[in-house]
Amino acid sequence: MDPGATLSSRGTTGVWPLIHAERTALAADLAELTDERWATPSLCSELTVREVLAHLTAGASLNSVRWLAGVIRCRFDFDKQVAMRLAEQLGATPVETLERFRRVIPSTTKPPLPALAMLGETIVHGEDIRRPLGIVRAHPVETITQVADYYRGSDLVVLAKGRIGGLRLTATDGPFTAGAGPLVSGSTLALVMAMTGRTAYCDDLEGEGVKLLRGRCETA
């Protein structure tokens, strides 16, 4: 199956409800966190789970015009822009951080990215938060499969297509398959997270290609 044809035929109309559902589930999962747990290091280097949530809020608050204005303001330093927008949405307390995120749950605002990239960001960063906290979400396999199909053909925002080059990925819980070469198998979620550089999820994978994929994650 050609992932490009699949994505173009699907369009964006059906993607936003999936994004909203993922945001709703994440807010619910974080509703009872203590202040101490909000300071837990996330899977994103040097960011706490609270800061990653603020980053998601920023992404849902930033249209193309504001994104470009920020890029210019930061002199095309994209990391600086991310840090600036995160700080804008962090709030004074964890309660405020979560409340700001709740307010953007129904948002369809986005930077100049495909809606599927926003779905991927929501799921991947949601797991960046959940895994260190020991929270498990049973994502709908159909949703995760759409994200896996997107990432296997894209290096936009995050290197994924290049990371899995020369490997054969096979989901054990759904229809997703990609590539050719040494096998990497596991849940669709674990494949997505490893595709996007999360080394911890390589522990959930099997096959002769896992060692190579782990090395690519560690050197990202």
N, C-alpha and C. Protein backbone atom coordinates (compact mmCIF):
# COMPACT_ATOMS: atom_id res chain seq x y z
N MET A 1 0.84 -1.20 0.00
CA MET A 1 0.00 0.00 0.00
C MET A 1 0.87 1.24 0.00
N ASP A 2 0.50 2.22 -0.82
CA ASP A 2 1.25 3.47 -0.88
C ASP A 2 0.77 4.39 0.22
N PRO A 3 1.60 4.70 1.24
CA PRO A 3 1.13 5.53 2.34
C PRO A 3 0.73 6.91 1.88
N GLY A 4 1.39 7.44 0.86
CA GLY A 4 1.04 8.76 0.37
C GLY A 4 -0.37 8.79 -0.17
N ALA A 5 -0.74 7.74 -0.93
CA ALA A 5 -2.10 7.67 -1.47
C ALA A 5 -3.11 7.53 -0.35
N THR A 6 -2.76 6.75 0.67
CA THR A 6 -3.67 6.56 1.80
C THR A 6 -3.95 7.87 2.51
N LEU A 7 -2.89 8.65 2.75
CA LEU A 7 -3.05 9.89 3.48
C LEU A 7 -3.81 10.92 2.67
N SER A 8 -3.53 11.00 1.37
CA SER A 8 -4.21 12.00 0.56
C SER A 8 -5.68 11.68 0.41
N SER A 9 -6.03 10.39 0.33
CA SER A 9 -7.43 10.02 0.19
C SER A 9 -8.19 10.23 1.50
N ARG A 10 -7.51 10.11 2.62
CA ARG A 10 -8.17 10.29 3.91
C ARG A 10 -8.46 11.75 4.20
N GLY A 11 -7.54 12.65 3.76
CA GLY A 11 -7.70 14.05 4.05
C GLY A 11 -7.48 14.35 5.52
N THR A 12 -7.90 15.54 5.93
CA THR A 12 -7.66 15.94 7.32
C THR A 12 -8.93 15.91 8.17
N THR A 13 -10.09 15.79 7.53
CA THR A 13 -11.35 15.89 8.27
C THR A 13 -11.44 14.86 9.38
N GLY A 14 -11.03 13.63 9.09
CA GLY A 14 -11.14 12.58 10.08
C GLY A 14 -10.01 12.54 11.09
N VAL A 15 -9.00 13.38 10.91
CA VAL A 15 -7.84 13.35 11.80
C VAL A 15 -8.08 14.17 13.06
N TRP A 16 -8.75 15.31 12.94
CA TRP A 16 -8.92 16.17 14.11
C TRP A 16 -9.69 15.52 15.25
N PRO A 17 -10.76 14.76 14.99
CA PRO A 17 -11.40 14.06 16.12
C PRO A 17 -10.45 13.11 16.84
N LEU A 18 -9.52 12.50 16.12
CA LEU A 18 -8.54 11.61 16.75
C LEU A 18 -7.59 12.42 17.64
N ILE A 19 -7.17 13.57 17.15
CA ILE A 19 -6.30 14.45 17.95
C ILE A 19 -7.02 14.87 19.22
N HIS A 20 -8.27 15.29 19.06
CA HIS A 20 -9.04 15.74 20.23
C HIS A 20 -9.24 14.61 21.23
N ALA A 21 -9.45 13.39 20.74
CA ALA A 21 -9.62 12.24 21.63
C ALA A 21 -8.33 11.95 22.39
N GLU A 22 -7.19 12.06 21.70
CA GLU A 22 -5.91 11.82 22.36
C GLU A 22 -5.62 12.90 23.41
N ARG A 23 -5.93 14.14 23.10
CA ARG A 23 -5.73 15.21 24.09
C ARG A 23 -6.62 15.00 25.31
N THR A 24 -7.87 14.62 25.07
CA THR A 24 -8.81 14.39 26.17
C THR A 24 -8.30 13.27 27.07
N ALA A 25 -7.82 12.19 26.48
CA ALA A 25 -7.32 11.06 27.26
C ALA A 25 -6.09 11.45 28.07
N LEU A 26 -5.21 12.25 27.47
CA LEU A 26 -4.01 12.66 28.19
C LEU A 26 -4.35 13.55 29.37
N ALA A 27 -5.25 14.50 29.17
CA ALA A 27 -5.66 15.37 30.28
C ALA A 27 -6.25 14.55 31.41
N ALA A 28 -7.05 13.56 31.09
CA ALA A 28 -7.65 12.70 32.12
C ALA A 28 -6.58 11.92 32.87
N ASP A 29 -5.59 11.43 32.15
CA ASP A 29 -4.52 10.65 32.78
C ASP A 29 -3.70 11.49 33.75
N LEU A 30 -3.64 12.79 33.52
CA LEU A 30 -2.78 13.66 34.34
C LEU A 30 -3.55 14.42 35.42
N ALA A 31 -4.84 14.18 35.51
CA ALA A 31 -5.69 14.99 36.38
C ALA A 31 -5.32 14.90 37.86
N GLU A 32 -4.79 13.76 38.29
CA GLU A 32 -4.53 13.56 39.72
C GLU A 32 -3.05 13.59 40.08
N LEU A 33 -2.20 14.08 39.20
CA LEU A 33 -0.76 14.10 39.50
C LEU A 33 -0.44 15.06 40.64
N THR A 34 0.46 14.64 41.51
CA THR A 34 0.97 15.53 42.54
C THR A 34 2.01 16.46 41.94
N ASP A 35 2.30 17.55 42.63
CA ASP A 35 3.32 18.48 42.14
C ASP A 35 4.65 17.78 41.93
N GLU A 36 4.97 16.86 42.81
CA GLU A 36 6.24 16.14 42.71
C GLU A 36 6.32 15.34 41.41
N ARG A 37 5.23 14.69 41.04
CA ARG A 37 5.24 13.87 39.83
C ARG A 37 5.27 14.73 38.57
N TRP A 38 4.75 15.93 38.64
CA TRP A 38 4.83 16.84 37.49
C TRP A 38 6.28 17.17 37.15
N ALA A 39 7.18 17.02 38.10
CA ALA A 39 8.60 17.33 37.88
C ALA A 39 9.37 16.12 37.37
N THR A 40 8.70 15.00 37.10
CA THR A 40 9.35 13.80 36.59
C THR A 40 10.00 14.07 35.24
N PRO A 41 11.25 13.64 35.04
CA PRO A 41 11.86 13.78 33.71
C PRO A 41 11.07 12.99 32.66
N SER A 42 10.82 13.60 31.54
CA SER A 42 10.11 12.93 30.45
C SER A 42 11.09 12.17 29.57
N LEU A 43 10.58 11.55 28.52
CA LEU A 43 11.45 10.91 27.54
C LEU A 43 12.09 11.92 26.60
N CYS A 44 11.63 13.17 26.64
CA CYS A 44 12.25 14.24 25.85
C CYS A 44 13.44 14.78 26.64
N SER A 45 14.57 14.80 26.02
CA SER A 45 15.80 15.19 26.70
C SER A 45 15.66 16.54 27.41
N GLU A 46 15.94 16.51 28.71
CA GLU A 46 16.03 17.71 29.55
C GLU A 46 14.69 18.39 29.82
N LEU A 47 13.58 17.75 29.48
CA LEU A 47 12.27 18.33 29.76
C LEU A 47 11.52 17.48 30.77
N THR A 48 10.81 18.12 31.69
CA THR A 48 9.94 17.41 32.61
C THR A 48 8.62 17.09 31.91
N VAL A 49 7.81 16.23 32.54
CA VAL A 49 6.53 15.92 31.93
C VAL A 49 5.65 17.17 31.86
N ARG A 50 5.77 18.04 32.82
CA ARG A 50 5.00 19.29 32.79
C ARG A 50 5.42 20.15 31.60
N GLU A 51 6.69 20.23 31.34
CA GLU A 51 7.16 21.03 30.21
C GLU A 51 6.74 20.45 28.87
N VAL A 52 6.71 19.13 28.77
CA VAL A 52 6.25 18.52 27.52
C VAL A 52 4.78 18.83 27.29
N LEU A 53 3.98 18.82 28.36
CA LEU A 53 2.57 19.16 28.20
C LEU A 53 2.42 20.60 27.73
N ALA A 54 3.22 21.49 28.27
CA ALA A 54 3.18 22.90 27.83
C ALA A 54 3.57 23.01 26.37
N HIS A 55 4.50 22.17 25.93
CA HIS A 55 4.89 22.15 24.52
C HIS A 55 3.72 21.74 23.64
N LEU A 56 2.94 20.75 24.08
CA LEU A 56 1.75 20.34 23.33
C LEU A 56 0.73 21.47 23.27
N THR A 57 0.57 22.19 24.37
CA THR A 57 -0.35 23.33 24.38
C THR A 57 0.11 24.39 23.38
N ALA A 58 1.41 24.64 23.36
CA ALA A 58 1.95 25.62 22.42
C ALA A 58 1.66 25.23 20.98
N GLY A 59 1.84 23.95 20.66
CA GLY A 59 1.59 23.50 19.30
C GLY A 59 0.15 23.66 18.87
N ALA A 60 -0.76 23.53 19.83
CA ALA A 60 -2.19 23.67 19.54
C ALA A 60 -2.64 25.12 19.58
N SER A 61 -1.73 26.04 19.85
CA SER A 61 -2.05 27.47 19.97
C SER A 61 -1.36 28.31 18.91
N LEU A 62 -0.61 27.66 18.04
CA LEU A 62 0.30 28.36 17.15
C LEU A 62 -0.11 28.15 15.70
N ASN A 63 -0.65 29.21 15.07
CA ASN A 63 -0.98 29.09 13.65
C ASN A 63 0.23 29.42 12.80
N SER A 64 0.08 29.34 11.50
CA SER A 64 1.22 29.52 10.60
C SER A 64 1.82 30.91 10.71
N VAL A 65 0.96 31.93 10.87
CA VAL A 65 1.46 33.30 10.95
C VAL A 65 2.29 33.50 12.22
N ARG A 66 1.76 33.04 13.36
CA ARG A 66 2.51 33.19 14.62
C ARG A 66 3.77 32.35 14.61
N TRP A 67 3.69 31.16 13.99
CA TRP A 67 4.87 30.31 13.89
C TRP A 67 5.97 31.02 13.12
N LEU A 68 5.63 31.59 11.96
CA LEU A 68 6.63 32.28 11.15
C LEU A 68 7.18 33.51 11.87
N ALA A 69 6.30 34.23 12.57
CA ALA A 69 6.76 35.40 13.32
C ALA A 69 7.76 34.98 14.40
N GLY A 70 7.49 33.85 15.04
CA GLY A 70 8.41 33.35 16.06
C GLY A 70 9.74 32.91 15.48
N VAL A 71 9.68 32.28 14.33
CA VAL A 71 10.91 31.85 13.66
C VAL A 71 11.79 33.05 13.34
N ILE A 72 11.16 34.10 12.82
CA ILE A 72 11.91 35.32 12.49
C ILE A 72 12.46 35.96 13.76
N ARG A 73 11.62 36.03 14.79
CA ARG A 73 12.05 36.62 16.07
C ARG A 73 13.24 35.87 16.64
N CYS A 74 13.26 34.56 16.48
CA CYS A 74 14.34 33.73 17.01
C CYS A 74 15.47 33.53 16.00
N ARG A 75 15.41 34.30 14.92
CA ARG A 75 16.46 34.27 13.89
C ARG A 75 16.68 32.86 13.35
N PHE A 76 15.55 32.17 13.08
CA PHE A 76 15.54 30.84 12.47
C PHE A 76 16.23 29.78 13.34
N ASP A 77 16.30 30.06 14.64
CA ASP A 77 16.75 29.05 15.60
C ASP A 77 15.49 28.32 16.08
N PHE A 78 15.19 27.17 15.48
CA PHE A 78 13.93 26.49 15.75
C PHE A 78 13.85 25.96 17.18
N ASP A 79 14.97 25.54 17.73
CA ASP A 79 14.98 25.09 19.12
C ASP A 79 14.65 26.24 20.07
N LYS A 80 15.15 27.42 19.74
CA LYS A 80 14.87 28.60 20.57
C LYS A 80 13.40 28.95 20.51
N GLN A 81 12.81 28.83 19.32
CA GLN A 81 11.37 29.09 19.18
C GLN A 81 10.56 28.10 20.01
N VAL A 82 10.92 26.82 19.97
CA VAL A 82 10.21 25.81 20.76
C VAL A 82 10.27 26.15 22.25
N ALA A 83 11.46 26.52 22.72
CA ALA A 83 11.63 26.87 24.14
C ALA A 83 10.82 28.11 24.50
N MET A 84 10.80 29.08 23.61
CA MET A 84 10.05 30.31 23.86
C MET A 84 8.55 30.03 23.97
N ARG A 85 8.02 29.25 23.04
CA ARG A 85 6.59 28.96 23.05
C ARG A 85 6.21 28.07 24.23
N LEU A 86 7.08 27.15 24.61
CA LEU A 86 6.84 26.32 25.79
C LEU A 86 6.71 27.20 27.02
N ALA A 87 7.63 28.14 27.18
CA ALA A 87 7.62 29.03 28.35
C ALA A 87 6.33 29.85 28.40
N GLU A 88 5.83 30.22 27.22
CA GLU A 88 4.59 31.02 27.18
C GLU A 88 3.40 30.24 27.74
N GLN A 89 3.42 28.91 27.61
CA GLN A 89 2.27 28.09 27.98
C GLN A 89 2.45 27.34 29.30
N LEU A 90 3.60 27.48 29.94
CA LEU A 90 3.87 26.68 31.14
C LEU A 90 2.98 27.05 32.31
N GLY A 91 2.73 28.33 32.49
CA GLY A 91 1.93 28.76 33.63
C GLY A 91 2.72 28.77 34.92
N ALA A 92 2.11 29.28 35.97
CA ALA A 92 2.80 29.44 37.24
C ALA A 92 2.84 28.17 38.07
N THR A 93 1.89 27.28 37.84
CA THR A 93 1.79 26.05 38.63
C THR A 93 1.41 24.89 37.71
N PRO A 94 1.60 23.64 38.17
CA PRO A 94 1.14 22.50 37.38
C PRO A 94 -0.36 22.53 37.09
N VAL A 95 -1.14 23.02 38.04
CA VAL A 95 -2.59 23.12 37.84
C VAL A 95 -2.89 24.03 36.65
N GLU A 96 -2.16 25.14 36.57
CA GLU A 96 -2.36 26.06 35.45
C GLU A 96 -1.88 25.44 34.14
N THR A 97 -0.77 24.71 34.19
CA THR A 97 -0.27 24.03 32.99
C THR A 97 -1.32 23.09 32.42
N LEU A 98 -1.92 22.30 33.29
CA LEU A 98 -2.95 21.35 32.85
C LEU A 98 -4.19 22.07 32.36
N GLU A 99 -4.59 23.15 33.03
CA GLU A 99 -5.77 23.88 32.62
C GLU A 99 -5.58 24.52 31.24
N ARG A 100 -4.39 25.03 30.99
CA ARG A 100 -4.10 25.59 29.66
C ARG A 100 -4.21 24.51 28.59
N PHE A 101 -3.72 23.32 28.90
CA PHE A 101 -3.83 22.22 27.94
C PHE A 101 -5.29 21.85 27.72
N ARG A 102 -6.07 21.79 28.77
CA ARG A 102 -7.49 21.45 28.63
C ARG A 102 -8.20 22.43 27.70
N ARG A 103 -7.81 23.69 27.77
CA ARG A 103 -8.48 24.70 26.95
C ARG A 103 -8.22 24.50 25.45
N VAL A 104 -7.12 23.86 25.09
CA VAL A 104 -6.82 23.68 23.67
C VAL A 104 -7.24 22.30 23.15
N ILE A 105 -7.88 21.50 23.99
CA ILE A 105 -8.30 20.16 23.54
C ILE A 105 -9.10 20.23 22.23
N PRO A 106 -10.07 21.16 22.07
CA PRO A 106 -10.85 21.18 20.83
C PRO A 106 -10.21 21.99 19.71
N SER A 107 -9.04 22.52 19.93
CA SER A 107 -8.41 23.40 18.94
C SER A 107 -8.08 22.66 17.64
N THR A 108 -8.23 23.38 16.53
CA THR A 108 -7.74 22.90 15.24
C THR A 108 -6.65 23.83 14.70
N THR A 109 -6.11 24.65 15.57
CA THR A 109 -4.99 25.52 15.22
C THR A 109 -3.72 24.67 15.14
N LYS A 110 -2.87 24.99 14.18
CA LYS A 110 -1.62 24.25 14.05
C LYS A 110 -0.59 25.07 13.28
N PRO A 111 0.69 24.78 13.51
CA PRO A 111 1.75 25.34 12.67
C PRO A 111 1.61 24.78 11.25
N PRO A 112 2.49 25.19 10.33
CA PRO A 112 2.40 24.69 8.96
C PRO A 112 2.85 23.24 8.84
N LEU A 113 2.04 22.35 9.41
CA LEU A 113 2.30 20.90 9.40
C LEU A 113 1.03 20.18 8.98
N PRO A 114 1.15 18.97 8.42
CA PRO A 114 -0.05 18.17 8.16
C PRO A 114 -0.76 17.83 9.47
N ALA A 115 -2.07 17.66 9.39
CA ALA A 115 -2.82 17.27 10.59
C ALA A 115 -2.31 15.95 11.15
N LEU A 116 -1.88 15.04 10.28
CA LEU A 116 -1.36 13.77 10.77
C LEU A 116 -0.08 13.96 11.58
N ALA A 117 0.71 14.97 11.23
CA ALA A 117 1.90 15.27 12.03
C ALA A 117 1.49 15.73 13.43
N MET A 118 0.40 16.48 13.51
CA MET A 118 -0.10 16.91 14.82
C MET A 118 -0.61 15.72 15.63
N LEU A 119 -1.26 14.77 14.96
CA LEU A 119 -1.70 13.56 15.66
C LEU A 119 -0.48 12.80 16.18
N GLY A 120 0.54 12.69 15.35
CA GLY A 120 1.76 12.02 15.78
C GLY A 120 2.40 12.71 16.97
N GLU A 121 2.48 14.04 16.91
CA GLU A 121 3.05 14.80 18.02
C GLU A 121 2.27 14.55 19.31
N THR A 122 0.95 14.54 19.19
CA THR A 122 0.11 14.36 20.38
C THR A 122 0.33 12.98 20.99
N ILE A 123 0.38 11.96 20.16
CA ILE A 123 0.57 10.60 20.68
C ILE A 123 1.98 10.41 21.21
N VAL A 124 2.98 10.80 20.44
CA VAL A 124 4.37 10.57 20.84
C VAL A 124 4.70 11.35 22.11
N HIS A 125 4.34 12.62 22.15
CA HIS A 125 4.65 13.40 23.36
C HIS A 125 3.78 12.95 24.54
N GLY A 126 2.57 12.46 24.24
CA GLY A 126 1.77 11.89 25.32
C GLY A 126 2.46 10.70 25.96
N GLU A 127 3.10 9.87 25.13
CA GLU A 127 3.85 8.73 25.68
C GLU A 127 5.16 9.17 26.31
N ASP A 128 5.76 10.26 25.83
CA ASP A 128 6.93 10.82 26.50
C ASP A 128 6.60 11.17 27.95
N ILE A 129 5.35 11.53 28.16
CA ILE A 129 4.87 11.88 29.50
C ILE A 129 4.46 10.62 30.27
N ARG A 130 3.68 9.77 29.64
CA ARG A 130 3.09 8.63 30.36
C ARG A 130 4.12 7.60 30.81
N ARG A 131 5.03 7.25 29.92
CA ARG A 131 5.93 6.14 30.24
C ARG A 131 6.73 6.39 31.53
N PRO A 132 7.36 7.54 31.70
CA PRO A 132 8.09 7.77 32.96
C PRO A 132 7.19 7.78 34.19
N LEU A 133 5.91 8.09 33.99
CA LEU A 133 4.96 8.12 35.10
C LEU A 133 4.32 6.76 35.37
N GLY A 134 4.61 5.78 34.51
CA GLY A 134 4.02 4.46 34.68
C GLY A 134 2.56 4.39 34.29
N ILE A 135 2.12 5.31 33.42
CA ILE A 135 0.73 5.34 32.96
C ILE A 135 0.66 4.64 31.60
N VAL A 136 -0.32 3.76 31.45
CA VAL A 136 -0.47 3.01 30.20
C VAL A 136 -1.80 3.39 29.56
N ARG A 137 -1.74 3.74 28.28
CA ARG A 137 -2.97 4.01 27.52
C ARG A 137 -3.09 2.98 26.40
N ALA A 138 -4.26 2.41 26.28
CA ALA A 138 -4.54 1.47 25.19
C ALA A 138 -5.04 2.29 24.00
N HIS A 139 -4.11 2.82 23.23
CA HIS A 139 -4.49 3.61 22.06
C HIS A 139 -5.24 2.74 21.05
N PRO A 140 -6.27 3.28 20.40
CA PRO A 140 -6.92 2.52 19.32
C PRO A 140 -5.90 2.16 18.26
N VAL A 141 -5.84 0.89 17.89
CA VAL A 141 -4.81 0.45 16.96
C VAL A 141 -4.97 1.12 15.60
N GLU A 142 -6.21 1.46 15.23
CA GLU A 142 -6.41 2.13 13.95
C GLU A 142 -5.75 3.51 13.95
N THR A 143 -5.82 4.20 15.08
CA THR A 143 -5.20 5.52 15.20
C THR A 143 -3.68 5.41 15.13
N ILE A 144 -3.13 4.48 15.90
CA ILE A 144 -1.68 4.31 15.92
C ILE A 144 -1.16 3.87 14.55
N THR A 145 -1.94 3.07 13.85
CA THR A 145 -1.52 2.61 12.52
C THR A 145 -1.43 3.77 11.55
N GLN A 146 -2.36 4.72 11.63
CA GLN A 146 -2.28 5.91 10.78
C GLN A 146 -1.00 6.68 11.04
N VAL A 147 -0.64 6.81 12.31
CA VAL A 147 0.57 7.53 12.67
C VAL A 147 1.81 6.79 12.18
N ALA A 148 1.81 5.47 12.34
CA ALA A 148 2.95 4.67 11.87
C ALA A 148 3.10 4.80 10.35
N ASP A 149 1.99 4.76 9.63
CA ASP A 149 2.04 4.92 8.17
C ASP A 149 2.60 6.29 7.79
N TYR A 150 2.22 7.31 8.57
CA TYR A 150 2.74 8.66 8.29
C TYR A 150 4.25 8.72 8.53
N TYR A 151 4.69 8.25 9.68
CA TYR A 151 6.11 8.38 10.03
C TYR A 151 7.02 7.55 9.13
N ARG A 152 6.53 6.42 8.65
CA ARG A 152 7.41 5.58 7.83
C ARG A 152 7.81 6.26 6.52
N GLY A 153 7.04 7.29 6.13
CA GLY A 153 7.35 8.01 4.89
C GLY A 153 7.76 9.43 5.10
N SER A 154 8.10 9.82 6.34
CA SER A 154 8.38 11.24 6.60
C SER A 154 9.56 11.43 7.55
N ASP A 155 10.35 12.44 7.24
CA ASP A 155 11.37 12.92 8.17
C ASP A 155 11.07 14.36 8.58
N LEU A 156 9.82 14.81 8.37
CA LEU A 156 9.41 16.15 8.73
C LEU A 156 9.26 16.26 10.24
N VAL A 157 9.84 17.27 10.83
CA VAL A 157 9.82 17.54 12.27
C VAL A 157 10.73 16.57 13.02
N VAL A 158 10.53 15.29 12.82
CA VAL A 158 11.34 14.28 13.51
C VAL A 158 11.83 13.25 12.49
N LEU A 159 13.09 12.86 12.61
CA LEU A 159 13.63 11.82 11.73
C LEU A 159 12.94 10.50 12.05
N ALA A 160 12.28 9.92 11.08
CA ALA A 160 11.63 8.62 11.27
C ALA A 160 11.93 7.74 10.07
N LYS A 161 11.59 8.23 8.88
CA LYS A 161 11.84 7.46 7.66
C LYS A 161 13.30 7.04 7.55
N GLY A 162 14.21 7.97 7.81
CA GLY A 162 15.63 7.65 7.72
C GLY A 162 16.09 6.69 8.80
N ARG A 163 15.47 6.77 9.97
CA ARG A 163 15.88 5.92 11.08
C ARG A 163 15.56 4.45 10.83
N ILE A 164 14.52 4.18 10.06
CA ILE A 164 14.11 2.78 9.84
C ILE A 164 14.55 2.25 8.48
N GLY A 165 15.38 3.00 7.79
CA GLY A 165 15.85 2.54 6.49
C GLY A 165 16.59 1.21 6.59
N GLY A 166 16.30 0.29 5.66
CA GLY A 166 16.96 -1.01 5.65
C GLY A 166 16.47 -1.98 6.69
N LEU A 167 15.34 -1.68 7.34
CA LEU A 167 14.75 -2.56 8.34
C LEU A 167 13.34 -2.94 7.92
N ARG A 168 12.89 -4.10 8.39
CA ARG A 168 11.51 -4.55 8.15
C ARG A 168 10.74 -4.47 9.46
N LEU A 169 9.77 -3.58 9.51
CA LEU A 169 8.96 -3.39 10.70
C LEU A 169 7.64 -4.12 10.55
N THR A 170 7.25 -4.85 11.59
CA THR A 170 5.99 -5.60 11.56
C THR A 170 5.31 -5.46 12.91
N ALA A 171 4.07 -4.96 12.88
CA ALA A 171 3.31 -4.83 14.12
C ALA A 171 2.71 -6.18 14.52
N THR A 172 2.70 -6.46 15.80
CA THR A 172 2.13 -7.70 16.30
C THR A 172 0.68 -7.54 16.75
N ASP A 173 0.18 -6.29 16.73
CA ASP A 173 -1.18 -6.04 17.20
C ASP A 173 -2.04 -5.35 16.14
N GLY A 174 -1.54 -5.24 14.93
CA GLY A 174 -2.29 -4.55 13.89
C GLY A 174 -1.68 -4.80 12.52
N PRO A 175 -2.17 -4.11 11.49
CA PRO A 175 -1.76 -4.40 10.12
C PRO A 175 -0.48 -3.72 9.65
N PHE A 176 0.12 -2.89 10.48
CA PHE A 176 1.25 -2.09 10.01
C PHE A 176 2.47 -2.95 9.67
N THR A 177 3.01 -2.73 8.49
CA THR A 177 4.29 -3.29 8.07
C THR A 177 5.00 -2.24 7.24
N ALA A 178 6.32 -2.29 7.22
CA ALA A 178 7.08 -1.33 6.43
C ALA A 178 8.48 -1.86 6.17
N GLY A 179 9.01 -1.55 4.99
CA GLY A 179 10.41 -1.78 4.70
C GLY A 179 10.79 -3.22 4.43
N ALA A 180 12.10 -3.39 4.26
CA ALA A 180 12.67 -4.71 4.00
C ALA A 180 14.05 -4.76 4.65
N GLY A 181 14.39 -5.93 5.19
CA GLY A 181 15.67 -6.08 5.86
C GLY A 181 15.50 -6.83 7.16
N PRO A 182 16.44 -6.67 8.09
CA PRO A 182 16.33 -7.34 9.40
C PRO A 182 15.02 -6.96 10.10
N LEU A 183 14.40 -7.93 10.74
CA LEU A 183 13.08 -7.75 11.33
C LEU A 183 13.13 -6.98 12.65
N VAL A 184 12.15 -6.08 12.79
CA VAL A 184 11.84 -5.44 14.07
C VAL A 184 10.34 -5.60 14.27
N SER A 185 9.94 -6.28 15.34
CA SER A 185 8.51 -6.50 15.56
C SER A 185 8.12 -6.12 16.98
N GLY A 186 6.85 -5.77 17.12
CA GLY A 186 6.32 -5.39 18.42
C GLY A 186 5.01 -4.66 18.23
N SER A 187 4.49 -4.08 19.29
CA SER A 187 3.24 -3.34 19.17
C SER A 187 3.43 -2.14 18.25
N THR A 188 2.33 -1.71 17.66
CA THR A 188 2.40 -0.55 16.76
C THR A 188 2.90 0.67 17.52
N LEU A 189 2.46 0.84 18.76
CA LEU A 189 2.92 1.97 19.56
C LEU A 189 4.43 1.92 19.78
N ALA A 190 4.95 0.76 20.14
CA ALA A 190 6.39 0.64 20.37
C ALA A 190 7.17 0.93 19.09
N LEU A 191 6.64 0.50 17.96
CA LEU A 191 7.31 0.79 16.68
C LEU A 191 7.31 2.28 16.40
N VAL A 192 6.18 2.94 16.62
CA VAL A 192 6.10 4.38 16.41
C VAL A 192 7.09 5.12 17.30
N MET A 193 7.13 4.75 18.57
CA MET A 193 8.01 5.45 19.50
C MET A 193 9.48 5.22 19.17
N ALA A 194 9.83 4.01 18.75
CA ALA A 194 11.21 3.75 18.35
C ALA A 194 11.54 4.45 17.05
N MET A 195 10.59 4.51 16.12
CA MET A 195 10.79 5.23 14.86
C MET A 195 11.12 6.70 15.11
N THR A 196 10.56 7.25 16.17
CA THR A 196 10.78 8.67 16.48
C THR A 196 11.89 8.87 17.50
N GLY A 197 12.69 7.83 17.73
CA GLY A 197 13.92 8.00 18.49
C GLY A 197 13.85 7.72 19.97
N ARG A 198 12.76 7.11 20.45
CA ARG A 198 12.63 6.84 21.88
C ARG A 198 13.27 5.48 22.20
N THR A 199 14.49 5.52 22.69
CA THR A 199 15.27 4.30 22.94
C THR A 199 14.56 3.36 23.90
N ALA A 200 13.86 3.90 24.89
CA ALA A 200 13.21 3.05 25.90
C ALA A 200 12.27 2.04 25.28
N TYR A 201 11.65 2.39 24.17
CA TYR A 201 10.68 1.49 23.55
C TYR A 201 11.33 0.37 22.77
N CYS A 202 12.64 0.46 22.53
CA CYS A 202 13.33 -0.66 21.90
C CYS A 202 13.30 -1.89 22.81
N ASP A 203 13.14 -1.67 24.12
CA ASP A 203 13.03 -2.79 25.06
C ASP A 203 11.77 -3.61 24.81
N ASP A 204 10.78 -3.01 24.12
CA ASP A 204 9.52 -3.68 23.87
C ASP A 204 9.49 -4.37 22.51
N LEU A 205 10.60 -4.32 21.79
CA LEU A 205 10.65 -4.85 20.43
C LEU A 205 11.49 -6.12 20.36
N GLU A 206 11.26 -6.91 19.33
CA GLU A 206 12.01 -8.15 19.10
C GLU A 206 12.47 -8.20 17.65
N GLY A 207 13.50 -9.03 17.41
CA GLY A 207 13.97 -9.24 16.05
C GLY A 207 15.42 -8.85 15.89
N GLU A 208 16.01 -9.35 14.83
CA GLU A 208 17.44 -9.14 14.60
C GLU A 208 17.77 -7.69 14.25
N GLY A 209 16.77 -6.89 13.89
CA GLY A 209 17.02 -5.49 13.55
C GLY A 209 16.96 -4.53 14.73
N VAL A 210 16.57 -5.03 15.91
CA VAL A 210 16.38 -4.15 17.06
C VAL A 210 17.70 -3.47 17.47
N LYS A 211 18.78 -4.22 17.44
CA LYS A 211 20.06 -3.65 17.84
C LYS A 211 20.44 -2.46 16.97
N LEU A 212 20.23 -2.58 15.68
CA LEU A 212 20.54 -1.48 14.76
C LEU A 212 19.63 -0.29 15.02
N LEU A 213 18.35 -0.55 15.20
CA LEU A 213 17.41 0.53 15.47
C LEU A 213 17.73 1.22 16.79
N ARG A 214 18.09 0.45 17.81
CA ARG A 214 18.46 1.04 19.09
C ARG A 214 19.67 1.97 18.92
N GLY A 215 20.65 1.52 18.16
CA GLY A 215 21.82 2.35 17.94
C GLY A 215 21.48 3.65 17.25
N ARG A 216 20.55 3.60 16.32
CA ARG A 216 20.15 4.82 15.63
C ARG A 216 19.39 5.75 16.57
N CYS A 217 18.61 5.19 17.47
CA CYS A 217 17.92 6.02 18.47
C CYS A 217 18.91 6.70 19.41
N GLU A 218 19.90 5.95 19.83
CA GLU A 218 20.86 6.48 20.81
C GLU A 218 21.76 7.56 20.23
N THR A 219 21.95 7.56 18.92
CA THR A 219 22.82 8.55 18.30
C THR A 219 22.05 9.71 17.69
N ALA A 220 20.72 9.74 17.92
CA ALA A 220 19.89 10.79 17.32
C ALA A 220 20.22 12.14 17.95
